[in-house]
PDB file of N, CA and C in Angstrom:
ATOM      1  N   MET A   1     142.327 156.943  63.806  1.00  0.00           N
ATOM      2  CA  MET A   1     141.446 155.834  63.594  1.00  0.00           C
ATOM      3  C   MET A   1     140.802 155.993  62.215  1.00  0.00           C
ATOM      4  N   GLU A   2     140.642 154.890  61.517  1.00  0.00           N
ATOM      5  CA  GLU A   2     139.994 154.892  60.209  1.00  0.00           C
ATOM      6  C   GLU A   2     138.675 154.135  60.286  1.00  0.00           C
ATOM      7  N   PHE A   3     137.731 154.587  59.482  1.00  0.00           N
ATOM      8  CA  PHE A   3     136.421 153.949  59.441  1.00  0.00           C
ATOM      9  C   PHE A   3     136.097 153.544  58.014  1.00  0.00           C
ATOM     10  N   GLY A   4     135.429 152.420  57.874  1.00  0.00           N
ATOM     11  CA  GLY A   4     135.037 151.941  56.555  1.00  0.00           C
ATOM     12  C   GLY A   4     133.664 151.309  56.603  1.00  0.00           C
ATOM     13  N   VAL A   5     133.198 150.883  55.454  1.00  0.00           N
ATOM     14  CA  VAL A   5     131.924 150.172  55.353  1.00  0.00           C
ATOM     15  C   VAL A   5     132.190 148.769  54.815  1.00  0.00           C
ATOM     16  N   PHE A   6     131.360 147.825  55.227  1.00  0.00           N
ATOM     17  CA  PHE A   6     131.523 146.424  54.843  1.00  0.00           C
ATOM     18  C   PHE A   6     130.239 145.948  54.184  1.00  0.00           C
ATOM     19  N   TYR A   7     130.378 145.308  53.026  1.00  0.00           N
ATOM     20  CA  TYR A   7     129.213 144.824  52.284  1.00  0.00           C
ATOM     21  C   TYR A   7     129.304 143.325  52.037  1.00  0.00           C
ATOM     22  N   GLN A   8     128.182 142.642  52.290  1.00  0.00           N
ATOM     23  CA  GLN A   8     128.034 141.249  51.889  1.00  0.00           C
ATOM     24  C   GLN A   8     127.077 141.125  50.709  1.00  0.00           C
ATOM     25  N   LEU A   9     126.229 142.092  50.484  1.00  0.00           N
ATOM     26  CA  LEU A   9     125.245 142.174  49.400  1.00  0.00           C
ATOM     27  C   LEU A   9     124.169 141.096  49.431  1.00  0.00           C
ATOM     28  N   PRO A  10     123.417 140.989  50.512  1.00  0.00           N
ATOM     29  CA  PRO A  10     122.247 140.119  50.457  1.00  0.00           C
ATOM     30  C   PRO A  10     121.230 140.715  49.491  1.00  0.00           C
ATOM     31  N   CYS A  11     120.468 139.874  48.846  1.00  0.00           N
ATOM     32  CA  CYS A  11     119.485 140.333  47.861  1.00  0.00           C
ATOM     33  C   CYS A  11     118.154 139.648  48.149  1.00  0.00           C
ATOM     34  N   SER A  12     117.168 140.433  48.571  1.00  0.00           N
ATOM     35  CA  SER A  12     115.859 139.855  48.874  1.00  0.00           C
ATOM     36  C   SER A  12     115.106 139.539  47.586  1.00  0.00           C
ATOM     37  N   GLU A  13     114.041 138.772  47.715  1.00  0.00           N
ATOM     38  CA  GLU A  13     113.278 138.348  46.543  1.00  0.00           C
ATOM     39  C   GLU A  13     112.633 139.514  45.807  1.00  0.00           C
ATOM     40  N   ASP A  14     112.335 140.596  46.521  1.00  0.00           N
ATOM     41  CA  ASP A  14     111.682 141.743  45.887  1.00  0.00           C
ATOM     42  C   ASP A  14     112.680 142.764  45.332  1.00  0.00           C
ATOM     43  N   GLN A  15     113.944 142.417  45.310  1.00  0.00           N
ATOM     44  CA  GLN A  15     114.989 143.323  44.831  1.00  0.00           C
ATOM     45  C   GLN A  15     115.808 142.610  43.755  1.00  0.00           C
ATOM     46  N   SER A  16     116.055 143.294  42.654  1.00  0.00           N
ATOM     47  CA  SER A  16     116.861 142.686  41.594  1.00  0.00           C
ATOM     48  C   SER A  16     118.343 142.824  41.929  1.00  0.00           C
ATOM     49  N   PRO A  17     119.170 141.902  41.482  1.00  0.00           N
ATOM     50  CA  PRO A  17     120.614 142.040  41.696  1.00  0.00           C
ATOM     51  C   PRO A  17     121.156 143.351  41.130  1.00  0.00           C
ATOM     52  N   SER A  18     120.640 143.770  39.990  1.00  0.00           N
ATOM     53  CA  SER A  18     121.083 145.029  39.394  1.00  0.00           C
ATOM     54  C   SER A  18     120.815 146.207  40.324  1.00  0.00           C
ATOM     55  N   GLN A  19     119.625 146.237  40.931  1.00  0.00           N
ATOM     56  CA  GLN A  19     119.295 147.318  41.862  1.00  0.00           C
ATOM     57  C   GLN A  19     120.165 147.244  43.105  1.00  0.00           C
ATOM     58  N   ARG A  20     120.458 146.038  43.571  1.00  0.00           N
ATOM     59  CA  ARG A  20     121.296 145.876  44.768  1.00  0.00           C
ATOM     60  C   ARG A  20     122.696 146.418  44.516  1.00  0.00           C
ATOM     61  N   TYR A  21     123.254 146.124  43.340  1.00  0.00           N
ATOM     62  CA  TYR A  21     124.574 146.657  43.004  1.00  0.00           C
ATOM     63  C   TYR A  21     124.530 148.178  42.886  1.00  0.00           C
ATOM     64  N   SER A  22     123.489 148.713  42.263  1.00  0.00           N
ATOM     65  CA  SER A  22     123.355 150.171  42.136  1.00  0.00           C
ATOM     66  C   SER A  22     123.264 150.832  43.505  1.00  0.00           C
ATOM     67  N   ASP A  23     122.496 150.234  44.411  1.00  0.00           N
ATOM     68  CA  ASP A  23     122.380 150.769  45.768  1.00  0.00           C
ATOM     69  C   ASP A  23     123.728 150.753  46.483  1.00  0.00           C
ATOM     70  N   THR A  24     124.485 149.684  46.304  1.00  0.00           N
ATOM     71  CA  THR A  24     125.795 149.569  46.951  1.00  0.00           C
ATOM     72  C   THR A  24     126.756 150.635  46.443  1.00  0.00           C
ATOM     73  N   ILE A  25     126.747 150.883  45.144  1.00  0.00           N
ATOM     74  CA  ILE A  25     127.609 151.918  44.580  1.00  0.00           C
ATOM     75  C   ILE A  25     127.199 153.286  45.123  1.00  0.00           C
ATOM     76  N   ALA A  26     125.895 153.554  45.181  1.00  0.00           N
ATOM     77  CA  ALA A  26     125.405 154.829  45.716  1.00  0.00           C
ATOM     78  C   ALA A  26     125.769 154.987  47.192  1.00  0.00           C
ATOM     79  N   GLN A  27     125.644 153.924  47.968  1.00  0.00           N
ATOM     80  CA  GLN A  27     126.012 153.980  49.382  1.00  0.00           C
ATOM     81  C   GLN A  27     127.510 154.212  49.547  1.00  0.00           C
ATOM     82  N   SER A  28     128.306 153.619  48.680  1.00  0.00           N
ATOM     83  CA  SER A  28     129.758 153.812  48.735  1.00  0.00           C
ATOM     84  C   SER A  28     130.128 155.252  48.394  1.00  0.00           C
ATOM     85  N   GLN A  29     129.419 155.845  47.438  1.00  0.00           N
ATOM     86  CA  GLN A  29     129.641 157.256  47.113  1.00  0.00           C
ATOM     87  C   GLN A  29     129.329 158.129  48.319  1.00  0.00           C
ATOM     88  N   LEU A  30     128.224 157.854  48.986  1.00  0.00           N
ATOM     89  CA  LEU A  30     127.854 158.617  50.171  1.00  0.00           C
ATOM     90  C   LEU A  30     128.884 158.438  51.279  1.00  0.00           C
ATOM     91  N   ALA A  31     129.343 157.215  51.481  1.00  0.00           N
ATOM     92  CA  ALA A  31     130.365 156.960  52.499  1.00  0.00           C
ATOM     93  C   ALA A  31     131.629 157.764  52.202  1.00  0.00           C
ATOM     94  N   ASP A  32     132.006 157.840  50.937  1.00  0.00           N
ATOM     95  CA  ASP A  32     133.171 158.628  50.537  1.00  0.00           C
ATOM     96  C   ASP A  32     132.948 160.104  50.843  1.00  0.00           C
ATOM     97  N   GLU A  33     131.778 160.622  50.510  1.00  0.00           N
ATOM     98  CA  GLU A  33     131.456 162.027  50.780  1.00  0.00           C
ATOM     99  C   GLU A  33     131.460 162.326  52.271  1.00  0.00           C
ATOM    100  N   LEU A  34     131.083 161.350  53.080  1.00  0.00           N
ATOM    101  CA  LEU A  34     131.040 161.530  54.529  1.00  0.00           C
ATOM    102  C   LEU A  34     132.394 161.324  55.199  1.00  0.00           C
ATOM    103  N   GLY A  35     133.408 160.947  54.417  1.00  0.00           N
ATOM    104  CA  GLY A  35     134.754 160.830  54.955  1.00  0.00           C
ATOM    105  C   GLY A  35     135.182 159.440  55.381  1.00  0.00           C
ATOM    106  N   PHE A  36     134.414 158.419  55.045  1.00  0.00           N
ATOM    107  CA  PHE A  36     134.848 157.058  55.359  1.00  0.00           C
ATOM    108  C   PHE A  36     136.110 156.738  54.562  1.00  0.00           C
ATOM    109  N   ASP A  37     136.947 155.889  55.121  1.00  0.00           N
ATOM    110  CA  ASP A  37     138.265 155.627  54.548  1.00  0.00           C
ATOM    111  C   ASP A  37     138.324 154.429  53.612  1.00  0.00           C
ATOM    112  N   SER A  38     137.396 153.495  53.738  1.00  0.00           N
ATOM    113  CA  SER A  38     137.517 152.271  52.945  1.00  0.00           C
ATOM    114  C   SER A  38     136.164 151.606  52.739  1.00  0.00           C
ATOM    115  N   VAL A  39     136.147 150.719  51.758  1.00  0.00           N
ATOM    116  CA  VAL A  39     134.998 149.848  51.498  1.00  0.00           C
ATOM    117  C   VAL A  39     135.529 148.422  51.490  1.00  0.00           C
ATOM    118  N   TRP A  40     134.907 147.564  52.278  1.00  0.00           N
ATOM    119  CA  TRP A  40     135.286 146.156  52.348  1.00  0.00           C
ATOM    120  C   TRP A  40     134.192 145.338  51.683  1.00  0.00           C
ATOM    121  N   LEU A  41     134.584 144.406  50.841  1.00  0.00           N
ATOM    122  CA  LEU A  41     133.631 143.603  50.080  1.00  0.00           C
ATOM    123  C   LEU A  41     133.864 142.116  50.334  1.00  0.00           C
ATOM    124  N   ALA A  42     132.812 141.425  50.748  1.00  0.00           N
ATOM    125  CA  ALA A  42     132.907 139.983  50.999  1.00  0.00           C
ATOM    126  C   ALA A  42     132.765 139.214  49.693  1.00  0.00           C
ATOM    127  N   GLU A  43     133.438 138.101  49.597  1.00  0.00           N
ATOM    128  CA  GLU A  43     133.290 137.212  48.442  1.00  0.00           C
ATOM    129  C   GLU A  43     132.564 135.954  48.896  1.00  0.00           C
ATOM    130  N   LEU A  44     131.336 135.814  48.442  1.00  0.00           N
ATOM    131  CA  LEU A  44     130.508 134.684  48.848  1.00  0.00           C
ATOM    132  C   LEU A  44     129.805 134.123  47.619  1.00  0.00           C
ATOM    133  N   HIS A  45     129.533 132.836  47.628  1.00  0.00           N
ATOM    134  CA  HIS A  45     128.953 132.170  46.465  1.00  0.00           C
ATOM    135  C   HIS A  45     127.693 131.388  46.828  1.00  0.00           C
ATOM    136  N   PHE A  46     126.769 131.304  45.863  1.00  0.00           N
ATOM    137  CA  PHE A  46     125.663 130.340  45.863  1.00  0.00           C
ATOM    138  C   PHE A  46     124.585 130.541  46.919  1.00  0.00           C
ATOM    139  N   ASN A  47     124.469 131.712  47.493  1.00  0.00           N
ATOM    140  CA  ASN A  47     123.404 131.963  48.458  1.00  0.00           C
ATOM    141  C   ASN A  47     122.959 133.418  48.355  1.00  0.00           C
ATOM    142  N   PRO A  48     122.031 133.740  47.444  1.00  0.00           N
ATOM    143  CA  PRO A  48     121.637 135.126  47.230  1.00  0.00           C
ATOM    144  C   PRO A  48     120.992 135.794  48.445  1.00  0.00           C
ATOM    145  N   GLU A  49     120.458 135.010  49.374  1.00  0.00           N
ATOM    146  CA  GLU A  49     119.897 135.605  50.580  1.00  0.00           C
ATOM    147  C   GLU A  49     120.995 136.121  51.507  1.00  0.00           C
ATOM    148  N   PHE A  50     122.206 135.618  51.333  1.00  0.00           N
ATOM    149  CA  PHE A  50     123.336 136.056  52.150  1.00  0.00           C
ATOM    150  C   PHE A  50     124.235 137.007  51.375  1.00  0.00           C
ATOM    151  N   SER A  51     124.450 136.719  50.081  1.00  0.00           N
ATOM    152  CA  SER A  51     125.275 137.590  49.247  1.00  0.00           C
ATOM    153  C   SER A  51     125.170 137.185  47.783  1.00  0.00           C
ATOM    154  N   ILE A  52     125.125 138.192  46.911  1.00  0.00           N
ATOM    155  CA  ILE A  52     125.149 137.937  45.469  1.00  0.00           C
ATOM    156  C   ILE A  52     126.502 138.293  44.873  1.00  0.00           C
ATOM    157  N   MET A  53     127.467 138.627  45.713  1.00  0.00           N
ATOM    158  CA  MET A  53     128.760 139.100  45.229  1.00  0.00           C
ATOM    159  C   MET A  53     129.769 137.960  45.161  1.00  0.00           C
ATOM    160  N   SER A  54     130.006 137.465  43.957  1.00  0.00           N
ATOM    161  CA  SER A  54     131.003 136.409  43.784  1.00  0.00           C
ATOM    162  C   SER A  54     132.313 136.950  43.223  1.00  0.00           C
ATOM    163  N   ALA A  55     132.324 138.214  42.814  1.00  0.00           N
ATOM    164  CA  ALA A  55     133.530 138.819  42.232  1.00  0.00           C
ATOM    165  C   ALA A  55     133.725 140.230  42.796  1.00  0.00           C
ATOM    166  N   PRO A  56     134.256 140.330  44.015  1.00  0.00           N
ATOM    167  CA  PRO A  56     134.380 141.648  44.642  1.00  0.00           C
ATOM    168  C   PRO A  56     135.286 142.619  43.892  1.00  0.00           C
ATOM    169  N   LEU A  57     136.255 142.131  43.136  1.00  0.00           N
ATOM    170  CA  LEU A  57     137.123 143.057  42.403  1.00  0.00           C
ATOM    171  C   LEU A  57     136.360 143.801  41.311  1.00  0.00           C
ATOM    172  N   LEU A  58     135.384 143.158  40.699  1.00  0.00           N
ATOM    173  CA  LEU A  58     134.556 143.847  39.710  1.00  0.00           C
ATOM    174  C   LEU A  58     133.706 144.929  40.370  1.00  0.00           C
ATOM    175  N   VAL A  59     133.161 144.621  41.532  1.00  0.00           N
ATOM    176  CA  VAL A  59     132.377 145.611  42.270  1.00  0.00           C
ATOM    177  C   VAL A  59     133.285 146.750  42.727  1.00  0.00           C
ATOM    178  N   ALA A  60     134.472 146.423  43.200  1.00  0.00           N
ATOM    179  CA  ALA A  60     135.428 147.454  43.621  1.00  0.00           C
ATOM    180  C   ALA A  60     135.789 148.369  42.455  1.00  0.00           C
ATOM    181  N   SER A  61     135.919 147.816  41.264  1.00  0.00           N
ATOM    182  CA  SER A  61     136.215 148.629  40.079  1.00  0.00           C
ATOM    183  C   SER A  61     135.078 149.598  39.786  1.00  0.00           C
ATOM    184  N   ALA A  62     133.848 149.128  39.904  1.00  0.00           N
ATOM    185  CA  ALA A  62     132.692 149.999  39.673  1.00  0.00           C
ATOM    186  C   ALA A  62     132.626 151.105  40.722  1.00  0.00           C
ATOM    187  N   ILE A  63     132.915 150.761  41.970  1.00  0.00           N
ATOM    188  CA  ILE A  63     132.916 151.765  43.036  1.00  0.00           C
ATOM    189  C   ILE A  63     134.040 152.771  42.816  1.00  0.00           C
ATOM    190  N   ALA A  64     135.203 152.296  42.415  1.00  0.00           N
ATOM    191  CA  ALA A  64     136.360 153.176  42.212  1.00  0.00           C
ATOM    192  C   ALA A  64     136.120 154.193  41.100  1.00  0.00           C
ATOM    193  N   GLN A  65     135.261 153.874  40.149  1.00  0.00           N
ATOM    194  CA  GLN A  65     134.953 154.823  39.077  1.00  0.00           C
ATOM    195  C   GLN A  65     134.190 156.034  39.585  1.00  0.00           C
ATOM    196  N   THR A  66     133.518 155.901  40.719  1.00  0.00           N
ATOM    197  CA  THR A  66     132.634 156.969  41.189  1.00  0.00           C
ATOM    198  C   THR A  66     133.064 157.594  42.507  1.00  0.00           C
ATOM    199  N   THR A  67     134.127 157.122  43.107  1.00  0.00           N
ATOM    200  CA  THR A  67     134.569 157.703  44.384  1.00  0.00           C
ATOM    201  C   THR A  67     135.954 158.297  44.244  1.00  0.00           C
TER     202      THR A  67
END
């Protein structure tokens, strides 16, 4: 059995998008260290309360640099 993490990237009003992306990369690094097998990224547009990620391949590239 394989386990992974799934991100939609909601961003609250008190959190900057930059900090949200940094937190996601850090969480992905931790998931890798803990032995998780994959990271799943949702592609959603125009609703920052639900997700700020409109380009998951760019986020995946940033995560791949550190895991």
